[in-house]
Amino acid sequence: MSIGMMIICAVGGLSGLLSSGYLLISLPAVIIWKIYRCIRFGYTMYQ
């Protein structure tokens, strides 16, 4: 493979890895934060 194609593959793989990591961390964090607010302040899960 040419060097340009290898760079494109590396950038695409890295962007996929970063977006997957962000979703893996942020989704549970938001759910935990909403449960905490529900218990601590009495908000509903939809506020």
N, C-alpha and C. Protein backbone atom coordinates (compact mmCIF):
# COMPACT_ATOMS: atom_id res chain seq x y z
N MET A 1 0.85 -1.18 0.00
CA MET A 1 0.00 0.00 0.00
C MET A 1 0.89 1.24 0.00
N SER A 2 0.34 2.29 -0.55
CA SER A 2 1.08 3.54 -0.57
C SER A 2 1.00 4.23 0.78
N ILE A 3 1.91 5.17 1.00
CA ILE A 3 1.97 5.87 2.28
C ILE A 3 0.70 6.72 2.50
N GLY A 4 0.13 7.27 1.44
CA GLY A 4 -1.09 8.06 1.58
C GLY A 4 -2.27 7.23 2.06
N MET A 5 -2.39 6.04 1.51
CA MET A 5 -3.48 5.15 1.91
C MET A 5 -3.31 4.69 3.35
N MET A 6 -2.09 4.47 3.77
CA MET A 6 -1.83 4.08 5.16
C MET A 6 -2.19 5.21 6.12
N ILE A 7 -1.90 6.44 5.74
CA ILE A 7 -2.25 7.59 6.59
C ILE A 7 -3.76 7.73 6.70
N ILE A 8 -4.46 7.58 5.58
CA ILE A 8 -5.93 7.67 5.59
C ILE A 8 -6.52 6.57 6.47
N CYS A 9 -5.99 5.37 6.38
CA CYS A 9 -6.48 4.26 7.22
C CYS A 9 -6.21 4.55 8.69
N ALA A 10 -5.05 5.09 9.01
CA ALA A 10 -4.72 5.38 10.41
C ALA A 10 -5.63 6.47 10.97
N VAL A 11 -5.89 7.52 10.18
CA VAL A 11 -6.76 8.60 10.64
C VAL A 11 -8.20 8.09 10.82
N GLY A 12 -8.68 7.28 9.89
CA GLY A 12 -10.02 6.72 10.01
C GLY A 12 -10.16 5.80 11.21
N GLY A 13 -9.17 4.97 11.44
CA GLY A 13 -9.19 4.07 12.59
C GLY A 13 -9.13 4.83 13.91
N LEU A 14 -8.32 5.87 13.95
CA LEU A 14 -8.19 6.67 15.17
C LEU A 14 -9.48 7.43 15.47
N SER A 15 -10.12 7.98 14.44
CA SER A 15 -11.37 8.70 14.68
C SER A 15 -12.47 7.75 15.15
N GLY A 16 -12.52 6.55 14.62
CA GLY A 16 -13.48 5.55 15.08
C GLY A 16 -13.21 5.14 16.52
N LEU A 17 -11.96 4.98 16.86
CA LEU A 17 -11.59 4.60 18.22
C LEU A 17 -11.95 5.70 19.21
N LEU A 18 -11.69 6.94 18.85
CA LEU A 18 -12.00 8.06 19.74
C LEU A 18 -13.50 8.24 19.94
N SER A 19 -14.28 8.13 18.87
CA SER A 19 -15.72 8.29 19.01
C SER A 19 -16.32 7.14 19.81
N SER A 20 -15.82 5.93 19.64
CA SER A 20 -16.31 4.80 20.43
C SER A 20 -15.95 4.97 21.90
N GLY A 21 -14.77 5.43 22.18
CA GLY A 21 -14.36 5.67 23.56
C GLY A 21 -15.18 6.76 24.22
N TYR A 22 -15.50 7.81 23.47
CA TYR A 22 -16.33 8.89 24.00
C TYR A 22 -17.71 8.38 24.37
N LEU A 23 -18.32 7.59 23.49
CA LEU A 23 -19.64 7.03 23.78
C LEU A 23 -19.60 6.06 24.95
N LEU A 24 -18.55 5.28 25.04
CA LEU A 24 -18.40 4.31 26.11
C LEU A 24 -18.33 4.99 27.48
N ILE A 25 -17.75 6.18 27.53
CA ILE A 25 -17.60 6.90 28.79
C ILE A 25 -18.78 7.82 29.06
N SER A 26 -19.26 8.54 28.05
CA SER A 26 -20.26 9.59 28.28
C SER A 26 -21.66 9.05 28.55
N LEU A 27 -22.07 7.98 27.90
CA LEU A 27 -23.42 7.46 28.13
C LEU A 27 -23.64 6.99 29.56
N PRO A 28 -22.77 6.15 30.12
CA PRO A 28 -22.97 5.78 31.53
C PRO A 28 -22.83 6.97 32.48
N ALA A 29 -21.97 7.93 32.14
CA ALA A 29 -21.79 9.09 33.00
C ALA A 29 -23.08 9.92 33.06
N VAL A 30 -23.76 10.10 31.96
CA VAL A 30 -25.01 10.85 31.94
C VAL A 30 -26.09 10.11 32.71
N ILE A 31 -26.17 8.81 32.55
CA ILE A 31 -27.18 8.03 33.27
C ILE A 31 -26.93 8.09 34.78
N ILE A 32 -25.68 7.94 35.19
CA ILE A 32 -25.34 8.02 36.61
C ILE A 32 -25.64 9.41 37.16
N TRP A 33 -25.32 10.46 36.38
CA TRP A 33 -25.59 11.82 36.81
C TRP A 33 -27.09 12.06 36.98
N LYS A 34 -27.91 11.54 36.08
CA LYS A 34 -29.36 11.70 36.20
C LYS A 34 -29.91 10.95 37.41
N ILE A 35 -29.41 9.76 37.68
CA ILE A 35 -29.85 9.02 38.86
C ILE A 35 -29.44 9.76 40.13
N TYR A 36 -28.24 10.32 40.15
CA TYR A 36 -27.77 11.09 41.30
C TYR A 36 -28.68 12.30 41.54
N ARG A 37 -29.01 13.04 40.48
CA ARG A 37 -29.89 14.20 40.63
C ARG A 37 -31.29 13.79 41.08
N CYS A 38 -31.73 12.64 40.64
CA CYS A 38 -33.06 12.14 41.03
C CYS A 38 -33.08 11.84 42.53
N ILE A 39 -32.04 11.24 43.03
CA ILE A 39 -31.98 10.88 44.45
C ILE A 39 -31.70 12.12 45.31
N ARG A 40 -30.74 12.94 44.91
CA ARG A 40 -30.29 14.06 45.73
C ARG A 40 -31.26 15.22 45.73
N PHE A 41 -31.78 15.61 44.56
CA PHE A 41 -32.58 16.82 44.45
C PHE A 41 -34.05 16.57 44.14
N GLY A 42 -34.43 15.33 43.86
CA GLY A 42 -35.81 15.01 43.60
C GLY A 42 -36.29 15.35 42.21
N TYR A 43 -35.37 15.58 41.27
CA TYR A 43 -35.76 15.84 39.89
C TYR A 43 -36.25 14.55 39.25
N THR A 44 -37.03 14.69 38.18
CA THR A 44 -37.40 13.50 37.43
C THR A 44 -36.24 13.15 36.49
N MET A 45 -36.31 11.98 35.90
CA MET A 45 -35.24 11.55 35.00
C MET A 45 -35.27 12.32 33.68
N TYR A 46 -36.36 13.03 33.41
CA TYR A 46 -36.52 13.71 32.12
C TYR A 46 -36.19 15.19 32.20
N GLN A 47 -35.77 15.71 33.33
CA GLN A 47 -35.44 17.14 33.44
C GLN A 47 -33.98 17.34 33.16
